[in-house]
């Protein structure tokens, strides 16, 4: 949730809404984003 991340999220959210796909936000700090967030399968599932 910094830099260009929010703008990319908004662009994707608007595009997918055109076909009924509703996109919510799941934000994280840069330092642990890959290995500690999207790289943890249990977190991906629990957060949805």
ModelCIF file with pLDDT and N, C-alpha, C, O atoms, coordinates in Angstrom:
data_MODEL
#
_entry.id   MODEL 
#
_entity.id                         1 
_entity.type                       polymer 
_entity.pdbx_number_of_molecules   1 
#
_entity_poly.entity_id                      1 
_entity_poly.type                           'polypeptide(L)' 
_entity_poly.nstd_linkage                   no 
_entity_poly.nstd_monomer                   no 
_entity_poly.pdbx_seq_one_letter_code       
;(UNK)(UNK)(UNK)(UNK)(UNK)(UNK)(UNK)(UNK)(UNK)(UNK)(UNK)(UNK)(UNK)(UNK)(UNK)(UNK)
(UNK)(UNK)(UNK)(UNK)(UNK)(UNK)(UNK)(UNK)(UNK)(UNK)(UNK)(UNK)(UNK)(UNK)(UNK)(UNK)
(UNK)(UNK)(UNK)(UNK)(UNK)(UNK)(UNK)(UNK)(UNK)(UNK)(UNK)(UNK)(UNK)(UNK)(UNK)(UNK)
;
_entity_poly.pdbx_seq_one_letter_code_can   XXXXXXXXXXXXXXXXXXXXXXXXXXXXXXXXXXXXXXXXXXXXXXXX 
_entity_poly.pdbx_strand_id                 A 
#
loop_
_entity_poly_seq.entity_id 
_entity_poly_seq.num 
_entity_poly_seq.mon_id 
_entity_poly_seq.hetero 
1 1  UNK n 
1 2  UNK n 
1 3  UNK n 
1 4  UNK n 
1 5  UNK n 
1 6  UNK n 
1 7  UNK n 
1 8  UNK n 
1 9  UNK n 
1 10 UNK n 
1 11 UNK n 
1 12 UNK n 
1 13 UNK n 
1 14 UNK n 
1 15 UNK n 
1 16 UNK n 
1 17 UNK n 
1 18 UNK n 
1 19 UNK n 
1 20 UNK n 
1 21 UNK n 
1 22 UNK n 
1 23 UNK n 
1 24 UNK n 
1 25 UNK n 
1 26 UNK n 
1 27 UNK n 
1 28 UNK n 
1 29 UNK n 
1 30 UNK n 
1 31 UNK n 
1 32 UNK n 
1 33 UNK n 
1 34 UNK n 
1 35 UNK n 
1 36 UNK n 
1 37 UNK n 
1 38 UNK n 
1 39 UNK n 
1 40 UNK n 
1 41 UNK n 
1 42 UNK n 
1 43 UNK n 
1 44 UNK n 
1 45 UNK n 
1 46 UNK n 
1 47 UNK n 
1 48 UNK n 
#
_struct_asym.id          A 
_struct_asym.entity_id   1 
#
loop_
_ma_qa_metric.id 
_ma_qa_metric.mode 
_ma_qa_metric.name 
_ma_qa_metric.software_group_id 
_ma_qa_metric.type 
1 global pLDDT . pLDDT 
2 local  pLDDT . pLDDT 
#
_ma_qa_metric_global.metric_id      1 
_ma_qa_metric_global.metric_value   94.73 
_ma_qa_metric_global.model_id       1 
_ma_qa_metric_global.ordinal_id     1 
#
loop_
_ma_qa_metric_local.label_asym_id 
_ma_qa_metric_local.label_comp_id 
_ma_qa_metric_local.label_seq_id 
_ma_qa_metric_local.metric_id 
_ma_qa_metric_local.metric_value 
_ma_qa_metric_local.model_id 
_ma_qa_metric_local.ordinal_id 
A UNK 1  2 88.00 1 1  
A UNK 2  2 83.00 1 2  
A UNK 3  2 85.00 1 3  
A UNK 4  2 90.00 1 4  
A UNK 5  2 93.00 1 5  
A UNK 6  2 95.00 1 6  
A UNK 7  2 95.00 1 7  
A UNK 8  2 97.00 1 8  
A UNK 9  2 98.00 1 9  
A UNK 10 2 98.00 1 10 
A UNK 11 2 98.00 1 11 
A UNK 12 2 98.00 1 12 
A UNK 13 2 98.00 1 13 
A UNK 14 2 98.00 1 14 
A UNK 15 2 98.00 1 15 
A UNK 16 2 98.00 1 16 
A UNK 17 2 98.00 1 17 
A UNK 18 2 98.00 1 18 
A UNK 19 2 98.00 1 19 
A UNK 20 2 98.00 1 20 
A UNK 21 2 98.00 1 21 
A UNK 22 2 98.00 1 22 
A UNK 23 2 98.00 1 23 
A UNK 24 2 98.00 1 24 
A UNK 25 2 98.00 1 25 
A UNK 26 2 98.00 1 26 
A UNK 27 2 97.00 1 27 
A UNK 28 2 95.00 1 28 
A UNK 29 2 89.00 1 29 
A UNK 30 2 86.00 1 30 
A UNK 31 2 84.00 1 31 
A UNK 32 2 86.00 1 32 
A UNK 33 2 93.00 1 33 
A UNK 34 2 91.00 1 34 
A UNK 35 2 87.00 1 35 
A UNK 36 2 90.00 1 36 
A UNK 37 2 95.00 1 37 
A UNK 38 2 97.00 1 38 
A UNK 39 2 94.00 1 39 
A UNK 40 2 95.00 1 40 
A UNK 41 2 96.00 1 41 
A UNK 42 2 97.00 1 42 
A UNK 43 2 97.00 1 43 
A UNK 44 2 98.00 1 44 
A UNK 45 2 97.00 1 45 
A UNK 46 2 97.00 1 46 
A UNK 47 2 98.00 1 47 
A UNK 48 2 98.00 1 48 
#
loop_
_atom_site.group_PDB 
_atom_site.id 
_atom_site.type_symbol 
_atom_site.label_atom_id 
_atom_site.label_alt_id 
_atom_site.label_comp_id 
_atom_site.label_asym_id 
_atom_site.label_entity_id 
_atom_site.label_seq_id 
_atom_site.pdbx_PDB_ins_code 
_atom_site.Cartn_x 
_atom_site.Cartn_y 
_atom_site.Cartn_z 
_atom_site.occupancy 
_atom_site.B_iso_or_equiv 
_atom_site.pdbx_formal_charge 
_atom_site.auth_seq_id 
_atom_site.auth_comp_id 
_atom_site.auth_asym_id 
_atom_site.auth_atom_id 
_atom_site.pdbx_PDB_model_num 
ATOM 1   N N  . UNK A 1 1  ? 0.824   -1.204  0.000   1.00 88.00 ? 1  UNK A N  1 
ATOM 2   C CA . UNK A 1 1  ? 0.000   0.000   0.000   1.00 88.00 ? 1  UNK A CA 1 
ATOM 3   C C  . UNK A 1 1  ? 0.862   1.260   0.000   1.00 88.00 ? 1  UNK A C  1 
ATOM 4   O O  . UNK A 1 1  ? 0.776   2.091   0.904   1.00 88.00 ? 1  UNK A O  1 
ATOM 5   N N  . UNK A 1 2  ? 1.689   1.382   -1.028  1.00 83.00 ? 2  UNK A N  1 
ATOM 6   C CA . UNK A 1 2  ? 2.554   2.550   -1.194  1.00 83.00 ? 2  UNK A CA 1 
ATOM 7   C C  . UNK A 1 2  ? 2.980   2.594   -2.648  1.00 83.00 ? 2  UNK A C  1 
ATOM 8   O O  . UNK A 1 2  ? 2.803   1.623   -3.383  1.00 83.00 ? 2  UNK A O  1 
ATOM 9   N N  . UNK A 1 3  ? 3.547   3.734   -3.067  1.00 85.00 ? 3  UNK A N  1 
ATOM 10  C CA . UNK A 1 3  ? 4.026   3.845   -4.431  1.00 85.00 ? 3  UNK A CA 1 
ATOM 11  C C  . UNK A 1 3  ? 2.930   3.595   -5.445  1.00 85.00 ? 3  UNK A C  1 
ATOM 12  O O  . UNK A 1 3  ? 1.852   4.181   -5.344  1.00 85.00 ? 3  UNK A O  1 
ATOM 13  N N  . UNK A 1 4  ? 3.180   2.742   -6.415  1.00 90.00 ? 4  UNK A N  1 
ATOM 14  C CA . UNK A 1 4  ? 2.244   2.474   -7.495  1.00 90.00 ? 4  UNK A CA 1 
ATOM 15  C C  . UNK A 1 4  ? 1.284   1.317   -7.204  1.00 90.00 ? 4  UNK A C  1 
ATOM 16  O O  . UNK A 1 4  ? 0.388   1.035   -8.001  1.00 90.00 ? 4  UNK A O  1 
ATOM 17  N N  . UNK A 1 5  ? 1.472   0.650   -6.063  1.00 93.00 ? 5  UNK A N  1 
ATOM 18  C CA . UNK A 1 5  ? 0.596   -0.467  -5.715  1.00 93.00 ? 5  UNK A CA 1 
ATOM 19  C C  . UNK A 1 5  ? -0.877  -0.115  -5.693  1.00 93.00 ? 5  UNK A C  1 
ATOM 20  O O  . UNK A 1 5  ? -1.675  -0.834  -6.294  1.00 93.00 ? 5  UNK A O  1 
ATOM 21  N N  . UNK A 1 6  ? -1.280  0.971   -5.020  1.00 95.00 ? 6  UNK A N  1 
ATOM 22  C CA . UNK A 1 6  ? -2.701  1.319   -4.992  1.00 95.00 ? 6  UNK A CA 1 
ATOM 23  C C  . UNK A 1 6  ? -3.280  1.625   -6.368  1.00 95.00 ? 6  UNK A C  1 
ATOM 24  O O  . UNK A 1 6  ? -4.423  1.261   -6.645  1.00 95.00 ? 6  UNK A O  1 
ATOM 25  N N  . UNK A 1 7  ? -2.514  2.287   -7.236  1.00 95.00 ? 7  UNK A N  1 
ATOM 26  C CA . UNK A 1 7  ? -3.013  2.612   -8.571  1.00 95.00 ? 7  UNK A CA 1 
ATOM 27  C C  . UNK A 1 7  ? -3.219  1.354   -9.407  1.00 95.00 ? 7  UNK A C  1 
ATOM 28  O O  . UNK A 1 7  ? -4.186  1.252   -10.161 1.00 95.00 ? 7  UNK A O  1 
ATOM 29  N N  . UNK A 1 8  ? -2.297  0.391   -9.268  1.00 97.00 ? 8  UNK A N  1 
ATOM 30  C CA . UNK A 1 8  ? -2.451  -0.880  -9.980  1.00 97.00 ? 8  UNK A CA 1 
ATOM 31  C C  . UNK A 1 8  ? -3.681  -1.623  -9.465  1.00 97.00 ? 8  UNK A C  1 
ATOM 32  O O  . UNK A 1 8  ? -4.443  -2.188  -10.250 1.00 97.00 ? 8  UNK A O  1 
ATOM 33  N N  . UNK A 1 9  ? -3.871  -1.622  -8.152  1.00 98.00 ? 9  UNK A N  1 
ATOM 34  C CA . UNK A 1 9  ? -5.061  -2.267  -7.570  1.00 98.00 ? 9  UNK A CA 1 
ATOM 35  C C  . UNK A 1 9  ? -6.339  -1.641  -8.113  1.00 98.00 ? 9  UNK A C  1 
ATOM 36  O O  . UNK A 1 9  ? -7.256  -2.361  -8.507  1.00 98.00 ? 9  UNK A O  1 
ATOM 37  N N  . UNK A 1 10 ? -6.414  -0.322  -8.140  1.00 98.00 ? 10 UNK A N  1 
ATOM 38  C CA . UNK A 1 10 ? -7.617  0.366   -8.605  1.00 98.00 ? 10 UNK A CA 1 
ATOM 39  C C  . UNK A 1 10 ? -7.902  0.046   -10.071 1.00 98.00 ? 10 UNK A C  1 
ATOM 40  O O  . UNK A 1 10 ? -9.054  -0.158  -10.455 1.00 98.00 ? 10 UNK A O  1 
ATOM 41  N N  . UNK A 1 11 ? -6.841  0.003   -10.894 1.00 98.00 ? 11 UNK A N  1 
ATOM 42  C CA . UNK A 1 11 ? -7.026  -0.323  -12.309 1.00 98.00 ? 11 UNK A CA 1 
ATOM 43  C C  . UNK A 1 11 ? -7.561  -1.740  -12.486 1.00 98.00 ? 11 UNK A C  1 
ATOM 44  O O  . UNK A 1 11 ? -8.455  -1.971  -13.300 1.00 98.00 ? 11 UNK A O  1 
ATOM 45  N N  . UNK A 1 12 ? -7.014  -2.693  -11.722 1.00 98.00 ? 12 UNK A N  1 
ATOM 46  C CA . UNK A 1 12 ? -7.483  -4.078  -11.812 1.00 98.00 ? 12 UNK A CA 1 
ATOM 47  C C  . UNK A 1 12 ? -8.907  -4.212  -11.280 1.00 98.00 ? 12 UNK A C  1 
ATOM 48  O O  . UNK A 1 12 ? -9.727  -4.926  -11.857 1.00 98.00 ? 12 UNK A O  1 
ATOM 49  N N  . UNK A 1 13 ? -9.190  -3.535  -10.197 1.00 98.00 ? 13 UNK A N  1 
ATOM 50  C CA . UNK A 1 13 ? -10.519 -3.590  -9.588  1.00 98.00 ? 13 UNK A CA 1 
ATOM 51  C C  . UNK A 1 13 ? -11.582 -3.088  -10.569 1.00 98.00 ? 13 UNK A C  1 
ATOM 52  O O  . UNK A 1 13 ? -12.638 -3.705  -10.711 1.00 98.00 ? 13 UNK A O  1 
ATOM 53  N N  . UNK A 1 14 ? -11.305 -1.978  -11.241 1.00 98.00 ? 14 UNK A N  1 
ATOM 54  C CA . UNK A 1 14 ? -12.256 -1.419  -12.198 1.00 98.00 ? 14 UNK A CA 1 
ATOM 55  C C  . UNK A 1 14 ? -12.457 -2.342  -13.391 1.00 98.00 ? 14 UNK A C  1 
ATOM 56  O O  . UNK A 1 14 ? -13.581 -2.520  -13.861 1.00 98.00 ? 14 UNK A O  1 
ATOM 57  N N  . UNK A 1 15 ? -11.364 -2.931  -13.885 1.00 98.00 ? 15 UNK A N  1 
ATOM 58  C CA . UNK A 1 15 ? -11.455 -3.814  -15.047 1.00 98.00 ? 15 UNK A CA 1 
ATOM 59  C C  . UNK A 1 15 ? -12.277 -5.062  -14.743 1.00 98.00 ? 15 UNK A C  1 
ATOM 60  O O  . UNK A 1 15 ? -13.134 -5.447  -15.539 1.00 98.00 ? 15 UNK A O  1 
ATOM 61  N N  . UNK A 1 16 ? -12.026 -5.693  -13.606 1.00 98.00 ? 16 UNK A N  1 
ATOM 62  C CA . UNK A 1 16 ? -12.712 -6.943  -13.272 1.00 98.00 ? 16 UNK A CA 1 
ATOM 63  C C  . UNK A 1 16 ? -14.171 -6.713  -12.911 1.00 98.00 ? 16 UNK A C  1 
ATOM 64  O O  . UNK A 1 16 ? -15.006 -7.597  -13.105 1.00 98.00 ? 16 UNK A O  1 
ATOM 65  N N  . UNK A 1 17 ? -14.486 -5.526  -12.384 1.00 98.00 ? 17 UNK A N  1 
ATOM 66  C CA . UNK A 1 17 ? -15.876 -5.220  -12.022 1.00 98.00 ? 17 UNK A CA 1 
ATOM 67  C C  . UNK A 1 17 ? -16.787 -5.238  -13.238 1.00 98.00 ? 17 UNK A C  1 
ATOM 68  O O  . UNK A 1 17 ? -17.995 -5.436  -13.106 1.00 98.00 ? 17 UNK A O  1 
ATOM 69  N N  . UNK A 1 18 ? -16.219 -5.033  -14.425 1.00 98.00 ? 18 UNK A N  1 
ATOM 70  C CA . UNK A 1 18 ? -17.026 -5.012  -15.643 1.00 98.00 ? 18 UNK A CA 1 
ATOM 71  C C  . UNK A 1 18 ? -17.685 -6.358  -15.937 1.00 98.00 ? 18 UNK A C  1 
ATOM 72  O O  . UNK A 1 18 ? -18.683 -6.424  -16.654 1.00 98.00 ? 18 UNK A O  1 
ATOM 73  N N  . UNK A 1 19 ? -17.113 -7.447  -15.369 1.00 98.00 ? 19 UNK A N  1 
ATOM 74  C CA . UNK A 1 19 ? -17.706 -8.779  -15.583 1.00 98.00 ? 19 UNK A CA 1 
ATOM 75  C C  . UNK A 1 19 ? -18.207 -9.374  -14.270 1.00 98.00 ? 19 UNK A C  1 
ATOM 76  O O  . UNK A 1 19 ? -18.482 -10.572 -14.200 1.00 98.00 ? 19 UNK A O  1 
ATOM 77  N N  . UNK A 1 20 ? -18.327 -8.556  -13.239 1.00 98.00 ? 20 UNK A N  1 
ATOM 78  C CA . UNK A 1 20 ? -18.901 -9.014  -11.981 1.00 98.00 ? 20 UNK A CA 1 
ATOM 79  C C  . UNK A 1 20 ? -17.917 -9.579  -10.987 1.00 98.00 ? 20 UNK A C  1 
ATOM 80  O O  . UNK A 1 20 ? -18.328 -10.103 -9.952  1.00 98.00 ? 20 UNK A O  1 
ATOM 81  N N  . UNK A 1 21 ? -16.616 -9.489  -11.268 1.00 98.00 ? 21 UNK A N  1 
ATOM 82  C CA . UNK A 1 21 ? -15.606 -9.965  -10.315 1.00 98.00 ? 21 UNK A CA 1 
ATOM 83  C C  . UNK A 1 21 ? -15.287 -8.816  -9.362  1.00 98.00 ? 21 UNK A C  1 
ATOM 84  O O  . UNK A 1 21 ? -14.783 -7.770  -9.771  1.00 98.00 ? 21 UNK A O  1 
ATOM 85  N N  . UNK A 1 22 ? -15.591 -9.033  -8.082  1.00 98.00 ? 22 UNK A N  1 
ATOM 86  C CA . UNK A 1 22 ? -15.407 -7.989  -7.075  1.00 98.00 ? 22 UNK A CA 1 
ATOM 87  C C  . UNK A 1 22 ? -14.074 -8.198  -6.364  1.00 98.00 ? 22 UNK A C  1 
ATOM 88  O O  . UNK A 1 22 ? -13.827 -9.240  -5.757  1.00 98.00 ? 22 UNK A O  1 
ATOM 89  N N  . UNK A 1 23 ? -13.230 -7.185  -6.457  1.00 98.00 ? 23 UNK A N  1 
ATOM 90  C CA . UNK A 1 23 ? -11.872 -7.298  -5.941  1.00 98.00 ? 23 UNK A CA 1 
ATOM 91  C C  . UNK A 1 23 ? -11.711 -6.453  -4.683  1.00 98.00 ? 23 UNK A C  1 
ATOM 92  O O  . UNK A 1 23 ? -11.905 -5.237  -4.708  1.00 98.00 ? 23 UNK A O  1 
ATOM 93  N N  . UNK A 1 24 ? -11.353 -7.116  -3.577  1.00 98.00 ? 24 UNK A N  1 
ATOM 94  C CA . UNK A 1 24 ? -11.059 -6.431  -2.329  1.00 98.00 ? 24 UNK A CA 1 
ATOM 95  C C  . UNK A 1 24 ? -9.569  -6.302  -2.124  1.00 98.00 ? 24 UNK A C  1 
ATOM 96  O O  . UNK A 1 24 ? -8.783  -6.898  -2.861  1.00 98.00 ? 24 UNK A O  1 
ATOM 97  N N  . UNK A 1 25 ? -9.172  -5.525  -1.125  1.00 98.00 ? 25 UNK A N  1 
ATOM 98  C CA . UNK A 1 25 ? -7.759  -5.228  -0.880  1.00 98.00 ? 25 UNK A CA 1 
ATOM 99  C C  . UNK A 1 25 ? -7.201  -6.058  0.270   1.00 98.00 ? 25 UNK A C  1 
ATOM 100 O O  . UNK A 1 25 ? -7.877  -6.293  1.271   1.00 98.00 ? 25 UNK A O  1 
ATOM 101 N N  . UNK A 1 26 ? -5.941  -6.501  0.105   1.00 98.00 ? 26 UNK A N  1 
ATOM 102 C CA . UNK A 1 26 ? -5.187  -7.167  1.162   1.00 98.00 ? 26 UNK A CA 1 
ATOM 103 C C  . UNK A 1 26 ? -3.783  -6.584  1.135   1.00 98.00 ? 26 UNK A C  1 
ATOM 104 O O  . UNK A 1 26 ? -2.953  -7.019  0.338   1.00 98.00 ? 26 UNK A O  1 
ATOM 105 N N  . UNK A 1 27 ? -3.504  -5.608  1.991   1.00 97.00 ? 27 UNK A N  1 
ATOM 106 C CA . UNK A 1 27 ? -2.265  -4.831  1.886   1.00 97.00 ? 27 UNK A CA 1 
ATOM 107 C C  . UNK A 1 27 ? -1.221  -5.308  2.889   1.00 97.00 ? 27 UNK A C  1 
ATOM 108 O O  . UNK A 1 27 ? -1.541  -5.918  3.909   1.00 97.00 ? 27 UNK A O  1 
ATOM 109 N N  . UNK A 1 28 ? 0.042   -5.011  2.567   1.00 95.00 ? 28 UNK A N  1 
ATOM 110 C CA . UNK A 1 28 ? 1.150   -5.441  3.426   1.00 95.00 ? 28 UNK A CA 1 
ATOM 111 C C  . UNK A 1 28 ? 2.339   -4.518  3.191   1.00 95.00 ? 28 UNK A C  1 
ATOM 112 O O  . UNK A 1 28 ? 2.437   -3.871  2.149   1.00 95.00 ? 28 UNK A O  1 
ATOM 113 N N  . UNK A 1 29 ? 3.251   -4.462  4.175   1.00 89.00 ? 29 UNK A N  1 
ATOM 114 C CA . UNK A 1 29 ? 4.481   -3.684  4.038   1.00 89.00 ? 29 UNK A CA 1 
ATOM 115 C C  . UNK A 1 29 ? 5.408   -4.330  3.016   1.00 89.00 ? 29 UNK A C  1 
ATOM 116 O O  . UNK A 1 29 ? 5.330   -5.535  2.780   1.00 89.00 ? 29 UNK A O  1 
ATOM 117 N N  . UNK A 1 30 ? 6.287   -3.529  2.408   1.00 86.00 ? 30 UNK A N  1 
ATOM 118 C CA . UNK A 1 30 ? 7.201   -4.041  1.395   1.00 86.00 ? 30 UNK A CA 1 
ATOM 119 C C  . UNK A 1 30 ? 8.157   -5.091  1.941   1.00 86.00 ? 30 UNK A C  1 
ATOM 120 O O  . UNK A 1 30 ? 8.384   -6.109  1.288   1.00 86.00 ? 30 UNK A O  1 
ATOM 121 N N  . UNK A 1 31 ? 8.720   -4.867  3.120   1.00 84.00 ? 31 UNK A N  1 
ATOM 122 C CA . UNK A 1 31 ? 9.824   -5.702  3.596   1.00 84.00 ? 31 UNK A CA 1 
ATOM 123 C C  . UNK A 1 31 ? 9.450   -7.167  3.760   1.00 84.00 ? 31 UNK A C  1 
ATOM 124 O O  . UNK A 1 31 ? 10.303  -8.029  3.552   1.00 84.00 ? 31 UNK A O  1 
ATOM 125 N N  . UNK A 1 32 ? 8.216   -7.487  4.124   1.00 86.00 ? 32 UNK A N  1 
ATOM 126 C CA . UNK A 1 32 ? 7.837   -8.887  4.301   1.00 86.00 ? 32 UNK A CA 1 
ATOM 127 C C  . UNK A 1 32 ? 6.807   -9.359  3.302   1.00 86.00 ? 32 UNK A C  1 
ATOM 128 O O  . UNK A 1 32 ? 6.174   -10.397 3.498   1.00 86.00 ? 32 UNK A O  1 
ATOM 129 N N  . UNK A 1 33 ? 6.632   -8.596  2.219   1.00 93.00 ? 33 UNK A N  1 
ATOM 130 C CA . UNK A 1 33 ? 5.523   -8.869  1.303   1.00 93.00 ? 33 UNK A CA 1 
ATOM 131 C C  . UNK A 1 33 ? 5.635   -10.232 0.623   1.00 93.00 ? 33 UNK A C  1 
ATOM 132 O O  . UNK A 1 33 ? 4.671   -10.999 0.614   1.00 93.00 ? 33 UNK A O  1 
ATOM 133 N N  . UNK A 1 34 ? 6.786   -10.537 0.061   1.00 91.00 ? 34 UNK A N  1 
ATOM 134 C CA . UNK A 1 34 ? 6.927   -11.783 -0.698  1.00 91.00 ? 34 UNK A CA 1 
ATOM 135 C C  . UNK A 1 34 ? 7.064   -13.000 0.218   1.00 91.00 ? 34 UNK A C  1 
ATOM 136 O O  . UNK A 1 34 ? 6.178   -13.853 0.263   1.00 91.00 ? 34 UNK A O  1 
ATOM 137 N N  . UNK A 1 35 ? 8.178   -13.073 0.945   1.00 87.00 ? 35 UNK A N  1 
ATOM 138 C CA . UNK A 1 35 ? 8.436   -14.258 1.754   1.00 87.00 ? 35 UNK A CA 1 
ATOM 139 C C  . UNK A 1 35 ? 7.499   -14.427 2.929   1.00 87.00 ? 35 UNK A C  1 
ATOM 140 O O  . UNK A 1 35 ? 7.203   -15.549 3.339   1.00 87.00 ? 35 UNK A O  1 
ATOM 141 N N  . UNK A 1 36 ? 7.021   -13.296 3.483   1.00 90.00 ? 36 UNK A N  1 
ATOM 142 C CA . UNK A 1 36 ? 6.209   -13.384 4.692   1.00 90.00 ? 36 UNK A CA 1 
ATOM 143 C C  . UNK A 1 36 ? 4.725   -13.221 4.495   1.00 90.00 ? 36 UNK A C  1 
ATOM 144 O O  . UNK A 1 36 ? 3.966   -13.275 5.462   1.00 90.00 ? 36 UNK A O  1 
ATOM 145 N N  . UNK A 1 37 ? 4.285   -13.019 3.247   1.00 95.00 ? 37 UNK A N  1 
ATOM 146 C CA . UNK A 1 37 ? 2.853   -12.785 3.001   1.00 95.00 ? 37 UNK A CA 1 
ATOM 147 C C  . UNK A 1 37 ? 2.350   -13.627 1.831   1.00 95.00 ? 37 UNK A C  1 
ATOM 148 O O  . UNK A 1 37 ? 1.737   -14.672 2.048   1.00 95.00 ? 37 UNK A O  1 
ATOM 149 N N  . UNK A 1 38 ? 2.598   -13.191 0.590   1.00 97.00 ? 38 UNK A N  1 
ATOM 150 C CA . UNK A 1 38 ? 2.082   -13.984 -0.536  1.00 97.00 ? 38 UNK A CA 1 
ATOM 151 C C  . UNK A 1 38 ? 2.882   -15.270 -0.730  1.00 97.00 ? 38 UNK A C  1 
ATOM 152 O O  . UNK A 1 38 ? 2.444   -16.168 -1.450  1.00 97.00 ? 38 UNK A O  1 
ATOM 153 N N  . UNK A 1 39 ? 4.054   -15.368 -0.095  1.00 94.00 ? 39 UNK A N  1 
ATOM 154 C CA . UNK A 1 39 ? 4.849   -16.595 -0.169  1.00 94.00 ? 39 UNK A CA 1 
ATOM 155 C C  . UNK A 1 39 ? 4.533   -17.585 0.929   1.00 94.00 ? 39 UNK A C  1 
ATOM 156 O O  . UNK A 1 39 ? 5.221   -18.597 1.057   1.00 94.00 ? 39 UNK A O  1 
ATOM 157 N N  . UNK A 1 40 ? 3.501   -17.321 1.732   1.00 95.00 ? 40 UNK A N  1 
ATOM 158 C CA . UNK A 1 40 ? 3.068   -18.253 2.780   1.00 95.00 ? 40 UNK A CA 1 
ATOM 159 C C  . UNK A 1 40 ? 1.697   -18.807 2.399   1.00 95.00 ? 40 UNK A C  1 
ATOM 160 O O  . UNK A 1 40 ? 0.696   -18.104 2.534   1.00 95.00 ? 40 UNK A O  1 
ATOM 161 N N  . UNK A 1 41 ? 1.632   -20.046 1.930   1.00 96.00 ? 41 UNK A N  1 
ATOM 162 C CA . UNK A 1 41 ? 0.363   -20.621 1.450   1.00 96.00 ? 41 UNK A CA 1 
ATOM 163 C C  . UNK A 1 41 ? -0.763  -20.556 2.478   1.00 96.00 ? 41 UNK A C  1 
ATOM 164 O O  . UNK A 1 41 ? -1.916  -20.327 2.115   1.00 96.00 ? 41 UNK A O  1 
ATOM 165 N N  . UNK A 1 42 ? -0.442  -20.756 3.757   1.00 97.00 ? 42 UNK A N  1 
ATOM 166 C CA . UNK A 1 42 ? -1.483  -20.732 4.776   1.00 97.00 ? 42 UNK A CA 1 
ATOM 167 C C  . UNK A 1 42 ? -2.070  -19.323 4.925   1.00 97.00 ? 42 UNK A C  1 
ATOM 168 O O  . UNK A 1 42 ? -3.262  -19.169 5.191   1.00 97.00 ? 42 UNK A O  1 
ATOM 169 N N  . UNK A 1 43 ? -1.231  -18.304 4.752   1.00 97.00 ? 43 UNK A N  1 
ATOM 170 C CA . UNK A 1 43 ? -1.714  -16.926 4.814   1.00 97.00 ? 43 UNK A CA 1 
ATOM 171 C C  . UNK A 1 43 ? -2.583  -16.598 3.611   1.00 97.00 ? 43 UNK A C  1 
ATOM 172 O O  . UNK A 1 43 ? -3.628  -15.961 3.747   1.00 97.00 ? 43 UNK A O  1 
ATOM 173 N N  . UNK A 1 44 ? -2.154  -17.030 2.442   1.00 98.00 ? 44 UNK A N  1 
ATOM 174 C CA . UNK A 1 44 ? -2.932  -16.791 1.217   1.00 98.00 ? 44 UNK A CA 1 
ATOM 175 C C  . UNK A 1 44 ? -4.339  -17.347 1.365   1.00 98.00 ? 44 UNK A C  1 
ATOM 176 O O  . UNK A 1 44 ? -5.313  -16.688 1.001   1.00 98.00 ? 44 UNK A O  1 
ATOM 177 N N  . UNK A 1 45 ? -4.447  -18.559 1.899   1.00 97.00 ? 45 UNK A N  1 
ATOM 178 C CA . UNK A 1 45 ? -5.770  -19.185 2.051   1.00 97.00 ? 45 UNK A CA 1 
ATOM 179 C C  . UNK A 1 45 ? -6.584  -18.524 3.151   1.00 97.00 ? 45 UNK A C  1 
ATOM 180 O O  . UNK A 1 45 ? -7.772  -18.260 2.966   1.00 97.00 ? 45 UNK A O  1 
ATOM 181 N N  . UNK A 1 46 ? -5.974  -18.257 4.273   1.00 97.00 ? 46 UNK A N  1 
ATOM 182 C CA . UNK A 1 46 ? -6.733  -17.701 5.402   1.00 97.00 ? 46 UNK A CA 1 
ATOM 183 C C  . UNK A 1 46 ? -7.216  -16.279 5.117   1.00 97.00 ? 46 UNK A C  1 
ATOM 184 O O  . UNK A 1 46 ? -8.303  -15.897 5.551   1.00 97.00 ? 46 UNK A O  1 
ATOM 185 N N  . UNK A 1 47 ? -6.421  -15.498 4.396   1.00 98.00 ? 47 UNK A N  1 
ATOM 186 C CA . UNK A 1 47 ? -6.812  -14.130 4.060   1.00 98.00 ? 47 UNK A CA 1 
ATOM 187 C C  . UNK A 1 47 ? -7.757  -14.109 2.864   1.00 98.00 ? 47 UNK A C  1 
ATOM 188 O O  . UNK A 1 47 ? -8.520  -13.161 2.684   1.00 98.00 ? 47 UNK A O  1 
ATOM 189 N N  . UNK A 1 48 ? -7.702  -15.164 2.043   1.00 98.00 ? 48 UNK A N  1 
ATOM 190 C CA . UNK A 1 48 ? -8.529  -15.220 0.843   1.00 98.00 ? 48 UNK A CA 1 
ATOM 191 C C  . UNK A 1 48 ? -7.937  -14.437 -0.309  1.00 98.00 ? 48 UNK A C  1 
ATOM 192 O O  . UNK A 1 48 ? -8.524  -14.391 -1.390  1.00 98.00 ? 48 UNK A O  1 
#
